[in-house]
Amino acid sequence: MKLPRRNFLHLAAGAAALPVISRVAGAQTYPTRPVRLIVPLAPGGATDIVARVIGQWLSERLGQSFIVENRPGAGTNLGTEAVVRAAPDGYTLLLAAPNNAINASFYEKLNFNFIRDIAPVAGIISHSLVIVVHPSVPAKTVPEFIGYAKANPGKLNMASPGNGTPNHVSGELFKMMAGVDMVHVPYRSGGPALTDLIAGQVQVMFPATVSSIEYIRDGRLRALAVTTATRSELLPDIPTVDQFVPGYEASGWFGLGAPKATPAEIVEKPNKEINAGLADPKIKTRLADLGGTPLVGSPADFGKLVADDTEKWGKVVRAANIKPD
């Protein structure tokens, strides 16, 4: 049967509108089933804790379970790729961290481009690292440490949880900006690195503040400075590196990402609820215990943070010629 042209155009217009209507309807009802929150690291660390705090909050606010799924391996790349390959419907999200920004230049060949293939959803918190030394190091300030390192080139060992980790590149950035020569000693994780630092097998490290604070408080390690632009609430009496090495800054952060084609209407829902959570006293307290400063903002704000860090750490990786093991 031949349709009149007017009827045909109406039908065509209606058909073209169906995907838009479907997306809008889907966004209005999202989520209608459990959501997977992929953590690309093993359970128990700060990344996992943040995911569970935010996952519980989102479950309560949006009426569906946000199930944390740990997918460790290949320096966060296995879990990240699982999200990249997932359907862009909001039911698979990624707990992102600086490793994702660093890996863009640290690995020569990846099966994805993090900035291109992951849509930013929301920042959660930023946090500081801290320069800690073994008490045998005769330096109580950053200037004294720089002077000691320059007087003993290549004799100080700098521990990290592994090549290309945020702790490693933060130390390499310090070496470049302060003009000091220290030997990098990579470990398989942060625990053994801290153990050897406490034992005096290595002399300096750039751990997360929260993972080293008990050792700082009991005198087993000496804190020289925090790496963020402002002081840490966990160590309010410790200065920032920037006070002595102008322009130095290194922050850890956590946020949520989604597959790149996830509709903006769906992305906005967890973004809105995470921002609400960051203003909630109970959530703020739990995240503050991790040394976290809330990253309230839009998806675009979080996207800019990721892009800026990707560029920054790319320069450090290339300048220091950092390669995977």
C-alpha atoms as a PDB file:
ATOM      1  CA  MET A   1       0.000   0.000   0.000  1.00  0.00           C
ATOM      2  CA  LYS A   2       1.324   3.403  -0.935  1.00  0.00           C
ATOM      3  CA  LEU A   3       1.149   5.962   1.875  1.00  0.00           C
ATOM      4  CA  PRO A   4       0.313   9.603   1.219  1.00  0.00           C
ATOM      5  CA  ARG A   5       3.450  11.723   1.492  1.00  0.00           C
ATOM      6  CA  ARG A   6       2.160  13.625   4.551  1.00  0.00           C
ATOM      7  CA  ASN A   7       1.420  10.399   6.448  1.00  0.00           C
ATOM      8  CA  PHE A   8       4.804   9.003   5.488  1.00  0.00           C
ATOM      9  CA  LEU A   9       6.611  12.088   6.820  1.00  0.00           C
ATOM     10  CA  HIS A  10       4.658  11.932  10.080  1.00  0.00           C
ATOM     11  CA  LEU A  11       5.575   8.283  10.516  1.00  0.00           C
ATOM     12  CA  ALA A  12       9.217   8.957   9.699  1.00  0.00           C
ATOM     13  CA  ALA A  13       9.361  11.830  12.175  1.00  0.00           C
ATOM     14  CA  GLY A  14       7.770   9.661  14.825  1.00  0.00           C
ATOM     15  CA  ALA A  15      10.242   6.864  14.216  1.00  0.00           C
ATOM     16  CA  ALA A  16      13.174   9.267  14.448  1.00  0.00           C
ATOM     17  CA  ALA A  17      11.869  10.582  17.749  1.00  0.00           C
ATOM     18  CA  LEU A  18      11.575   7.117  19.327  1.00  0.00           C
ATOM     19  CA  PRO A  19      15.263   6.797  20.337  1.00  0.00           C
ATOM     20  CA  VAL A  20      15.165  10.241  21.948  1.00  0.00           C
ATOM     21  CA  ILE A  21      11.956   9.415  23.821  1.00  0.00           C
ATOM     22  CA  SER A  22      13.446   6.090  24.875  1.00  0.00           C
ATOM     23  CA  ARG A  23      16.619   7.747  26.200  1.00  0.00           C
ATOM     24  CA  VAL A  24      14.650  10.369  28.118  1.00  0.00           C
ATOM     25  CA  ALA A  25      12.332   7.736  29.585  1.00  0.00           C
ATOM     26  CA  GLY A  26      15.321   5.595  30.522  1.00  0.00           C
ATOM     27  CA  ALA A  27      17.015   8.515  32.242  1.00  0.00           C
ATOM     28  CA  GLN A  28      13.858   9.364  34.169  1.00  0.00           C
ATOM     29  CA  THR A  29      13.550   5.839  35.566  1.00  0.00           C
ATOM     30  CA  TYR A  30      17.282   5.081  35.986  1.00  0.00           C
ATOM     31  CA  PRO A  31      18.285   2.930  37.742  1.00  0.00           C
ATOM     32  CA  THR A  32      15.748   0.121  37.450  1.00  0.00           C
ATOM     33  CA  ARG A  33      18.185  -2.667  38.341  1.00  0.00           C
ATOM     34  CA  PRO A  34      21.460  -3.060  40.286  1.00  0.00           C
ATOM     35  CA  VAL A  35      24.474  -1.045  39.109  1.00  0.00           C
ATOM     36  CA  ARG A  36      28.016  -2.458  38.995  1.00  0.00           C
ATOM     37  CA  LEU A  37      30.691  -0.184  40.420  1.00  0.00           C
ATOM     38  CA  ILE A  38      34.030  -1.498  39.155  1.00  0.00           C
ATOM     39  CA  VAL A  39      37.070  -0.913  41.374  1.00  0.00           C
ATOM     40  CA  PRO A  40      40.177  -1.715  39.290  1.00  0.00           C
ATOM     41  CA  LEU A  41      42.235  -2.553  42.380  1.00  0.00           C
ATOM     42  CA  ALA A  42      42.176  -5.240  45.071  1.00  0.00           C
ATOM     43  CA  PRO A  43      39.841  -4.947  48.084  1.00  0.00           C
ATOM     44  CA  GLY A  44      40.900  -3.200  51.275  1.00  0.00           C
ATOM     45  CA  GLY A  45      42.675  -0.073  50.029  1.00  0.00           C
ATOM     46  CA  ALA A  46      41.474   3.528  50.018  1.00  0.00           C
ATOM     47  CA  THR A  47      40.015   3.142  46.507  1.00  0.00           C
ATOM     48  CA  ASP A  48      37.880   0.235  47.662  1.00  0.00           C
ATOM     49  CA  ILE A  49      36.765   2.077  50.813  1.00  0.00           C
ATOM     50  CA  VAL A  50      35.702   5.161  48.854  1.00  0.00           C
ATOM     51  CA  ALA A  51      33.772   2.974  46.395  1.00  0.00           C
ATOM     52  CA  ARG A  52      31.872   1.274  49.207  1.00  0.00           C
ATOM     53  CA  VAL A  53      31.046   4.537  50.976  1.00  0.00           C
ATOM     54  CA  ILE A  54      29.736   6.116  47.766  1.00  0.00           C
ATOM     55  CA  GLY A  55      28.086   2.887  46.598  1.00  0.00           C
ATOM     56  CA  GLN A  56      26.086   2.637  49.817  1.00  0.00           C
ATOM     57  CA  TRP A  57      25.058   6.293  49.564  1.00  0.00           C
ATOM     58  CA  LEU A  58      23.921   5.926  45.950  1.00  0.00           C
ATOM     59  CA  SER A  59      22.018   2.740  46.814  1.00  0.00           C
ATOM     60  CA  GLU A  60      20.099   4.561  49.526  1.00  0.00           C
ATOM     61  CA  ARG A  61      19.414   7.647  47.400  1.00  0.00           C
ATOM     62  CA  LEU A  62      18.520   5.962  44.106  1.00  0.00           C
ATOM     63  CA  GLY A  63      16.730   2.875  45.383  1.00  0.00           C
ATOM     64  CA  GLN A  64      18.886   0.263  43.648  1.00  0.00           C
ATOM     65  CA  SER A  65      21.988  -1.609  44.770  1.00  0.00           C
ATOM     66  CA  PHE A  66      25.335  -0.220  43.650  1.00  0.00           C
ATOM     67  CA  ILE A  67      27.455  -3.364  43.874  1.00  0.00           C
ATOM     68  CA  VAL A  68      31.208  -2.913  44.260  1.00  0.00           C
ATOM     69  CA  GLU A  69      33.127  -5.346  42.042  1.00  0.00           C
ATOM     70  CA  ASN A  70      36.912  -5.521  42.393  1.00  0.00           C
ATOM     71  CA  ARG A  71      38.734  -6.144  39.101  1.00  0.00           C
ATOM     72  CA  PRO A  72      42.456  -5.759  39.890  1.00  0.00           C
ATOM     73  CA  GLY A  73      45.239  -6.290  37.379  1.00  0.00           C
ATOM     74  CA  ALA A  74      47.590  -4.564  34.924  1.00  0.00           C
ATOM     75  CA  GLY A  75      47.838  -1.404  36.998  1.00  0.00           C
ATOM     76  CA  THR A  76      44.037  -0.765  36.906  1.00  0.00           C
ATOM     77  CA  ASN A  77      43.815  -1.392  33.150  1.00  0.00           C
ATOM     78  CA  LEU A  78      41.818  -4.635  33.367  1.00  0.00           C
ATOM     79  CA  GLY A  79      39.010  -3.119  35.392  1.00  0.00           C
ATOM     80  CA  THR A  80      39.043   0.095  33.387  1.00  0.00           C
ATOM     81  CA  GLU A  81      38.762  -1.772  30.087  1.00  0.00           C
ATOM     82  CA  ALA A  82      35.806  -3.748  31.459  1.00  0.00           C
ATOM     83  CA  VAL A  83      33.957  -0.452  31.887  1.00  0.00           C
ATOM     84  CA  VAL A  84      35.095   0.871  28.501  1.00  0.00           C
ATOM     85  CA  ARG A  85      33.605  -2.250  26.845  1.00  0.00           C
ATOM     86  CA  ALA A  86      30.367  -2.208  28.878  1.00  0.00           C
ATOM     87  CA  ALA A  87      27.015  -1.024  27.521  1.00  0.00           C
ATOM     88  CA  PRO A  88      26.704   2.776  27.848  1.00  0.00           C
ATOM     89  CA  ASP A  89      23.534   2.602  29.901  1.00  0.00           C
ATOM     90  CA  GLY A  90      24.697   3.685  33.348  1.00  0.00           C
ATOM     91  CA  TYR A  91      24.693   0.182  34.811  1.00  0.00           C
ATOM     92  CA  THR A  92      28.486  -0.181  34.815  1.00  0.00           C
ATOM     93  CA  LEU A  93      30.536   2.579  36.439  1.00  0.00           C
ATOM     94  CA  LEU A  94      34.249   2.961  37.231  1.00  0.00           C
ATOM     95  CA  LEU A  95      35.906   4.173  40.413  1.00  0.00           C
ATOM     96  CA  ALA A  96      38.677   6.205  38.767  1.00  0.00           C
ATOM     97  CA  ALA A  97      41.923   7.439  40.343  1.00  0.00           C
ATOM     98  CA  PRO A  98      45.247   9.025  39.246  1.00  0.00           C
ATOM     99  CA  ASN A  99      46.503   5.639  37.995  1.00  0.00           C
ATOM    100  CA  ASN A 100      44.136   6.094  35.053  1.00  0.00           C
ATOM    101  CA  ALA A 101      45.676   9.456  34.167  1.00  0.00           C
ATOM    102  CA  ILE A 102      49.238   8.160  34.584  1.00  0.00           C
ATOM    103  CA  ASN A 103      48.667   4.986  32.560  1.00  0.00           C
ATOM    104  CA  ALA A 104      47.804   6.975  29.447  1.00  0.00           C
ATOM    105  CA  SER A 105      51.530   7.665  28.953  1.00  0.00           C
ATOM    106  CA  PHE A 106      53.048   4.969  31.174  1.00  0.00           C
ATOM    107  CA  TYR A 107      51.830   2.164  28.887  1.00  0.00           C
ATOM    108  CA  GLU A 108      52.797   2.449  25.232  1.00  0.00           C
ATOM    109  CA  LYS A 109      49.891   0.335  24.000  1.00  0.00           C
ATOM    110  CA  LEU A 110      46.479   0.244  25.647  1.00  0.00           C
ATOM    111  CA  ASN A 111      43.264  -1.087  24.165  1.00  0.00           C
ATOM    112  CA  PHE A 112      41.513   2.144  25.082  1.00  0.00           C
ATOM    113  CA  ASN A 113      42.063   5.861  25.511  1.00  0.00           C
ATOM    114  CA  PHE A 114      40.887   6.818  28.993  1.00  0.00           C
ATOM    115  CA  ILE A 115      39.928  10.414  28.225  1.00  0.00           C
ATOM    116  CA  ARG A 116      38.202   9.464  24.962  1.00  0.00           C
ATOM    117  CA  ASP A 117      36.501   6.259  26.127  1.00  0.00           C
ATOM    118  CA  ILE A 118      35.383   7.086  29.679  1.00  0.00           C
ATOM    119  CA  ALA A 119      32.782   9.778  30.311  1.00  0.00           C
ATOM    120  CA  PRO A 120      33.368  11.730  33.545  1.00  0.00           C
ATOM    121  CA  VAL A 121      30.490  11.401  35.994  1.00  0.00           C
ATOM    122  CA  ALA A 122      31.590  13.029  39.251  1.00  0.00           C
ATOM    123  CA  GLY A 123      34.608  13.833  41.348  1.00  0.00           C
ATOM    124  CA  ILE A 124      34.474  12.467  44.887  1.00  0.00           C
ATOM    125  CA  ILE A 125      37.520  13.580  46.893  1.00  0.00           C
ATOM    126  CA  SER A 126      41.096  14.725  46.495  1.00  0.00           C
ATOM    127  CA  HIS A 127      43.744  13.846  49.065  1.00  0.00           C
ATOM    128  CA  SER A 128      47.360  14.549  49.864  1.00  0.00           C
ATOM    129  CA  LEU A 129      50.498  12.493  49.788  1.00  0.00           C
ATOM    130  CA  VAL A 130      53.246  13.269  52.268  1.00  0.00           C
ATOM    131  CA  ILE A 131      57.038  13.205  52.093  1.00  0.00           C
ATOM    132  CA  VAL A 132      58.207  10.943  54.910  1.00  0.00           C
ATOM    133  CA  VAL A 133      61.744   9.999  55.828  1.00  0.00           C
ATOM    134  CA  HIS A 134      63.315   7.492  58.197  1.00  0.00           C
ATOM    135  CA  PRO A 135      64.417   9.205  61.449  1.00  0.00           C
ATOM    136  CA  SER A 136      68.045   8.417  60.609  1.00  0.00           C
ATOM    137  CA  VAL A 137      67.899  11.007  57.817  1.00  0.00           C
ATOM    138  CA  PRO A 138      69.354  14.215  59.321  1.00  0.00           C
ATOM    139  CA  ALA A 139      66.729  16.547  57.863  1.00  0.00           C
ATOM    140  CA  LYS A 140      63.670  17.990  59.586  1.00  0.00           C
ATOM    141  CA  THR A 141      62.539  20.331  56.795  1.00  0.00           C
ATOM    142  CA  VAL A 142      62.270  20.195  53.018  1.00  0.00           C
ATOM    143  CA  PRO A 143      65.178  22.664  52.508  1.00  0.00           C
ATOM    144  CA  GLU A 144      67.351  20.573  54.828  1.00  0.00           C
ATOM    145  CA  PHE A 145      66.354  17.411  52.972  1.00  0.00           C
ATOM    146  CA  ILE A 146      67.138  18.963  49.579  1.00  0.00           C
ATOM    147  CA  GLY A 147      70.523  20.081  50.887  1.00  0.00           C
ATOM    148  CA  TYR A 148      71.266  16.624  52.278  1.00  0.00           C
ATOM    149  CA  ALA A 149      70.194  14.906  49.041  1.00  0.00           C
ATOM    150  CA  LYS A 150      72.359  17.249  46.955  1.00  0.00           C
ATOM    151  CA  ALA A 151      75.329  16.535  49.217  1.00  0.00           C
ATOM    152  CA  ASN A 152      74.732  12.792  48.794  1.00  0.00           C
ATOM    153  CA  PRO A 153      73.679  12.282  45.149  1.00  0.00           C
ATOM    154  CA  GLY A 154      72.437   8.781  44.376  1.00  0.00           C
ATOM    155  CA  LYS A 155      72.745   7.642  48.011  1.00  0.00           C
ATOM    156  CA  LEU A 156      69.141   8.102  49.099  1.00  0.00           C
ATOM    157  CA  ASN A 157      66.680   5.347  48.218  1.00  0.00           C
ATOM    158  CA  MET A 158      63.114   6.404  47.409  1.00  0.00           C
ATOM    159  CA  ALA A 159      60.527   3.660  47.915  1.00  0.00           C
ATOM    160  CA  SER A 160      57.205   3.381  46.100  1.00  0.00           C
ATOM    161  CA  PRO A 161      54.431   0.783  45.644  1.00  0.00           C
ATOM    162  CA  GLY A 162      55.681   0.233  42.095  1.00  0.00           C
ATOM    163  CA  ASN A 163      56.726   1.847  38.826  1.00  0.00           C
ATOM    164  CA  GLY A 164      54.210   4.330  37.500  1.00  0.00           C
ATOM    165  CA  THR A 165      52.185   4.574  40.705  1.00  0.00           C
ATOM    166  CA  PRO A 166      51.028   8.013  41.910  1.00  0.00           C
ATOM    167  CA  ASN A 167      53.575   7.794  44.734  1.00  0.00           C
ATOM    168  CA  HIS A 168      56.372   7.110  42.246  1.00  0.00           C
ATOM    169  CA  VAL A 169      55.570   9.906  39.811  1.00  0.00           C
ATOM    170  CA  SER A 170      55.042  12.355  42.701  1.00  0.00           C
ATOM    171  CA  GLY A 171      58.566  11.529  43.848  1.00  0.00           C
ATOM    172  CA  GLU A 172      59.951  11.897  40.327  1.00  0.00           C
ATOM    173  CA  LEU A 173      58.289  15.295  40.012  1.00  0.00           C
ATOM    174  CA  PHE A 174      59.945  16.346  43.278  1.00  0.00           C
ATOM    175  CA  LYS A 175      63.332  15.098  42.077  1.00  0.00           C
ATOM    176  CA  MET A 176      63.034  17.141  38.882  1.00  0.00           C
ATOM    177  CA  MET A 177      61.792  20.335  40.505  1.00  0.00           C
ATOM    178  CA  ALA A 178      64.156  20.196  43.502  1.00  0.00           C
ATOM    179  CA  GLY A 179      67.150  19.089  41.412  1.00  0.00           C
ATOM    180  CA  VAL A 180      68.025  16.062  43.532  1.00  0.00           C
ATOM    181  CA  ASP A 181      69.227  12.576  42.606  1.00  0.00           C
ATOM    182  CA  MET A 182      67.541   9.719  44.480  1.00  0.00           C
ATOM    183  CA  VAL A 183      67.394   6.021  43.552  1.00  0.00           C
ATOM    184  CA  HIS A 184      63.877   4.719  42.986  1.00  0.00           C
ATOM    185  CA  VAL A 185      63.149   1.374  44.663  1.00  0.00           C
ATOM    186  CA  PRO A 186      59.810  -0.068  43.467  1.00  0.00           C
ATOM    187  CA  TYR A 187      57.890  -2.565  45.600  1.00  0.00           C
ATOM    188  CA  ARG A 188      54.890  -4.710  44.717  1.00  0.00           C
ATOM    189  CA  SER A 189      52.603  -2.699  47.002  1.00  0.00           C
ATOM    190  CA  GLY A 190      52.618   0.075  49.568  1.00  0.00           C
ATOM    191  CA  GLY A 191      52.698  -2.125  52.679  1.00  0.00           C
ATOM    192  CA  PRO A 192      56.124  -3.701  52.084  1.00  0.00           C
ATOM    193  CA  ALA A 193      57.522  -0.334  51.011  1.00  0.00           C
ATOM    194  CA  LEU A 194      56.430   1.303  54.270  1.00  0.00           C
ATOM    195  CA  THR A 195      57.752  -1.681  56.263  1.00  0.00           C
ATOM    196  CA  ASP A 196      61.210  -1.286  54.735  1.00  0.00           C
ATOM    197  CA  LEU A 197      61.106   2.492  55.218  1.00  0.00           C
ATOM    198  CA  ILE A 198      60.322   2.037  58.930  1.00  0.00           C
ATOM    199  CA  ALA A 199      63.184  -0.475  59.145  1.00  0.00           C
ATOM    200  CA  GLY A 200      65.589   1.971  57.502  1.00  0.00           C
ATOM    201  CA  GLN A 201      66.191  -0.169  54.406  1.00  0.00           C
ATOM    202  CA  VAL A 202      65.080   2.835  52.305  1.00  0.00           C
ATOM    203  CA  GLN A 203      65.144   6.465  53.367  1.00  0.00           C
ATOM    204  CA  VAL A 204      62.234   8.362  51.796  1.00  0.00           C
ATOM    205  CA  MET A 205      58.764   7.764  50.393  1.00  0.00           C
ATOM    206  CA  PHE A 206      55.707   9.675  49.126  1.00  0.00           C
ATOM    207  CA  PRO A 207      52.797   7.649  50.589  1.00  0.00           C
ATOM    208  CA  ALA A 208      49.195   8.733  50.967  1.00  0.00           C
ATOM    209  CA  THR A 209      48.820  10.701  54.185  1.00  0.00           C
ATOM    210  CA  VAL A 210      46.186   8.347  55.570  1.00  0.00           C
ATOM    211  CA  SER A 211      48.374   5.235  55.111  1.00  0.00           C
ATOM    212  CA  SER A 212      51.369   6.705  56.936  1.00  0.00           C
ATOM    213  CA  ILE A 213      49.843   8.939  59.607  1.00  0.00           C
ATOM    214  CA  GLU A 214      50.031   6.432  62.477  1.00  0.00           C
ATOM    215  CA  TYR A 215      53.767   5.975  61.849  1.00  0.00           C
ATOM    216  CA  ILE A 216      54.240   9.741  61.747  1.00  0.00           C
ATOM    217  CA  ARG A 217      52.362  10.200  65.016  1.00  0.00           C
ATOM    218  CA  ASP A 218      54.330   7.533  66.870  1.00  0.00           C
ATOM    219  CA  GLY A 219      57.678   8.832  65.600  1.00  0.00           C
ATOM    220  CA  ARG A 220      58.653   5.880  63.428  1.00  0.00           C
ATOM    221  CA  LEU A 221      58.610   8.196  60.386  1.00  0.00           C
ATOM    222  CA  ARG A 222      59.230  11.921  60.074  1.00  0.00           C
ATOM    223  CA  ALA A 223      56.905  13.997  57.899  1.00  0.00           C
ATOM    224  CA  LEU A 224      58.554  16.836  55.996  1.00  0.00           C
ATOM    225  CA  ALA A 225      55.687  18.210  53.895  1.00  0.00           C
ATOM    226  CA  VAL A 226      52.392  17.339  52.234  1.00  0.00           C
ATOM    227  CA  THR A 227      52.223  17.380  48.457  1.00  0.00           C
ATOM    228  CA  THR A 228      48.969  19.283  47.972  1.00  0.00           C
ATOM    229  CA  ALA A 229      48.676  23.039  47.475  1.00  0.00           C
ATOM    230  CA  THR A 230      47.032  23.395  50.891  1.00  0.00           C
ATOM    231  CA  ARG A 231      47.757  21.722  54.211  1.00  0.00           C
ATOM    232  CA  SER A 232      46.092  18.455  55.164  1.00  0.00           C
ATOM    233  CA  GLU A 233      43.522  18.435  57.954  1.00  0.00           C
ATOM    234  CA  LEU A 234      45.113  15.186  59.138  1.00  0.00           C
ATOM    235  CA  LEU A 235      48.502  16.923  59.533  1.00  0.00           C
ATOM    236  CA  PRO A 236      47.672  20.603  60.067  1.00  0.00           C
ATOM    237  CA  ASP A 237      51.137  21.451  61.411  1.00  0.00           C
ATOM    238  CA  ILE A 238      52.994  20.029  58.419  1.00  0.00           C
ATOM    239  CA  PRO A 239      53.796  22.540  55.626  1.00  0.00           C
ATOM    240  CA  THR A 240      53.264  22.037  51.914  1.00  0.00           C
ATOM    241  CA  VAL A 241      56.090  21.233  49.489  1.00  0.00           C
ATOM    242  CA  ASP A 242      55.069  24.311  47.491  1.00  0.00           C
ATOM    243  CA  GLN A 243      56.291  26.556  50.326  1.00  0.00           C
ATOM    244  CA  PHE A 244      59.845  25.451  49.530  1.00  0.00           C
ATOM    245  CA  VAL A 245      59.617  24.193  45.928  1.00  0.00           C
ATOM    246  CA  PRO A 246      57.335  26.768  44.247  1.00  0.00           C
ATOM    247  CA  GLY A 247      54.816  25.259  41.861  1.00  0.00           C
ATOM    248  CA  TYR A 248      55.078  21.718  43.166  1.00  0.00           C
ATOM    249  CA  GLU A 249      51.715  19.972  43.592  1.00  0.00           C
ATOM    250  CA  ALA A 250      50.636  16.348  43.576  1.00  0.00           C
ATOM    251  CA  SER A 251      47.194  15.184  44.623  1.00  0.00           C
ATOM    252  CA  GLY A 252      45.449  11.877  44.797  1.00  0.00           C
ATOM    253  CA  TRP A 253      41.780  11.837  43.827  1.00  0.00           C
ATOM    254  CA  PHE A 254      38.801   9.566  43.302  1.00  0.00           C
ATOM    255  CA  GLY A 255      35.814   9.940  41.001  1.00  0.00           C
ATOM    256  CA  LEU A 256      33.270   8.054  38.939  1.00  0.00           C
ATOM    257  CA  GLY A 257      33.389   7.394  35.208  1.00  0.00           C
ATOM    258  CA  ALA A 258      31.072   5.638  32.736  1.00  0.00           C
ATOM    259  CA  PRO A 259      31.346   4.267  29.177  1.00  0.00           C
ATOM    260  CA  LYS A 260      31.734   7.156  26.745  1.00  0.00           C
ATOM    261  CA  ALA A 261      28.286   7.094  25.095  1.00  0.00           C
ATOM    262  CA  THR A 262      26.336   7.043  28.362  1.00  0.00           C
ATOM    263  CA  PRO A 263      23.499   9.607  27.993  1.00  0.00           C
ATOM    264  CA  ALA A 264      24.054  12.892  29.811  1.00  0.00           C
ATOM    265  CA  GLU A 265      20.638  12.532  31.441  1.00  0.00           C
ATOM    266  CA  ILE A 266      21.813   9.344  33.157  1.00  0.00           C
ATOM    267  CA  VAL A 267      25.225  10.757  34.095  1.00  0.00           C
ATOM    268  CA  GLU A 268      23.529  13.672  35.840  1.00  0.00           C
ATOM    269  CA  LYS A 269      21.727  11.411  38.327  1.00  0.00           C
ATOM    270  CA  PRO A 270      24.748   9.958  40.163  1.00  0.00           C
ATOM    271  CA  ASN A 271      26.529  13.304  39.802  1.00  0.00           C
ATOM    272  CA  LYS A 272      23.704  15.078  41.617  1.00  0.00           C
ATOM    273  CA  GLU A 273      23.516  12.460  44.370  1.00  0.00           C
ATOM    274  CA  ILE A 274      27.288  12.333  44.902  1.00  0.00           C
ATOM    275  CA  ASN A 275      27.378  16.112  45.284  1.00  0.00           C
ATOM    276  CA  ALA A 276      24.571  15.780  47.837  1.00  0.00           C
ATOM    277  CA  GLY A 277      26.556  13.075  49.638  1.00  0.00           C
ATOM    278  CA  LEU A 278      29.647  15.271  49.809  1.00  0.00           C
ATOM    279  CA  ALA A 279      27.544  17.806  51.721  1.00  0.00           C
ATOM    280  CA  ASP A 280      26.152  15.180  54.117  1.00  0.00           C
ATOM    281  CA  PRO A 281      27.875  15.339  57.544  1.00  0.00           C
ATOM    282  CA  LYS A 282      28.187  11.548  57.927  1.00  0.00           C
ATOM    283  CA  ILE A 283      29.652  11.036  54.447  1.00  0.00           C
ATOM    284  CA  LYS A 284      31.970  14.032  54.882  1.00  0.00           C
ATOM    285  CA  THR A 285      33.270  12.591  58.149  1.00  0.00           C
ATOM    286  CA  ARG A 286      33.911   9.151  56.666  1.00  0.00           C
ATOM    287  CA  LEU A 287      35.773  10.623  53.704  1.00  0.00           C
ATOM    288  CA  ALA A 288      37.660  13.082  55.925  1.00  0.00           C
ATOM    289  CA  ASP A 289      39.017  10.073  57.817  1.00  0.00           C
ATOM    290  CA  LEU A 290      40.760   9.201  54.532  1.00  0.00           C
ATOM    291  CA  GLY A 291      42.213  12.703  54.348  1.00  0.00           C
ATOM    292  CA  GLY A 292      39.704  13.589  51.646  1.00  0.00           C
ATOM    293  CA  THR A 293      38.641  17.040  50.478  1.00  0.00           C
ATOM    294  CA  PRO A 294      35.271  16.977  48.643  1.00  0.00           C
ATOM    295  CA  LEU A 295      35.363  17.488  44.861  1.00  0.00           C
ATOM    296  CA  VAL A 296      31.888  18.953  44.424  1.00  0.00           C
ATOM    297  CA  GLY A 297      31.222  19.844  40.788  1.00  0.00           C
ATOM    298  CA  SER A 298      29.835  18.940  37.398  1.00  0.00           C
ATOM    299  CA  PRO A 299      30.906  16.057  35.154  1.00  0.00           C
ATOM    300  CA  ALA A 300      32.843  18.644  33.123  1.00  0.00           C
ATOM    301  CA  ASP A 301      34.714  19.773  36.241  1.00  0.00           C
ATOM    302  CA  PHE A 302      35.832  16.222  36.935  1.00  0.00           C
ATOM    303  CA  GLY A 303      36.714  15.742  33.259  1.00  0.00           C
ATOM    304  CA  LYS A 304      38.996  18.782  33.385  1.00  0.00           C
ATOM    305  CA  LEU A 305      40.768  17.440  36.471  1.00  0.00           C
ATOM    306  CA  VAL A 306      41.419  14.131  34.709  1.00  0.00           C
ATOM    307  CA  ALA A 307      42.625  15.844  31.533  1.00  0.00           C
ATOM    308  CA  ASP A 308      44.948  18.179  33.455  1.00  0.00           C
ATOM    309  CA  ASP A 309      46.440  15.294  35.443  1.00  0.00           C
ATOM    310  CA  THR A 310      46.873  13.195  32.299  1.00  0.00           C
ATOM    311  CA  GLU A 311      48.886  15.983  30.679  1.00  0.00           C
ATOM    312  CA  LYS A 312      50.894  16.717  33.838  1.00  0.00           C
ATOM    313  CA  TRP A 313      51.893  13.131  34.594  1.00  0.00           C
ATOM    314  CA  GLY A 314      52.551  12.436  30.927  1.00  0.00           C
ATOM    315  CA  LYS A 315      55.300  15.058  31.022  1.00  0.00           C
ATOM    316  CA  VAL A 316      56.817  13.477  34.146  1.00  0.00           C
ATOM    317  CA  VAL A 317      56.653   9.935  32.740  1.00  0.00           C
ATOM    318  CA  ARG A 318      58.378  11.012  29.539  1.00  0.00           C
ATOM    319  CA  ALA A 319      60.988  13.232  31.224  1.00  0.00           C
ATOM    320  CA  ALA A 320      61.936  10.536  33.754  1.00  0.00           C
ATOM    321  CA  ASN A 321      61.640   7.771  31.114  1.00  0.00           C
ATOM    322  CA  ILE A 322      59.414   5.706  33.404  1.00  0.00           C
ATOM    323  CA  LYS A 323      58.600   2.270  31.967  1.00  0.00           C
ATOM    324  CA  PRO A 324      56.537  -0.697  33.183  1.00  0.00           C
ATOM    325  CA  ASP A 325      58.459  -3.493  34.886  1.00  0.00           C
END
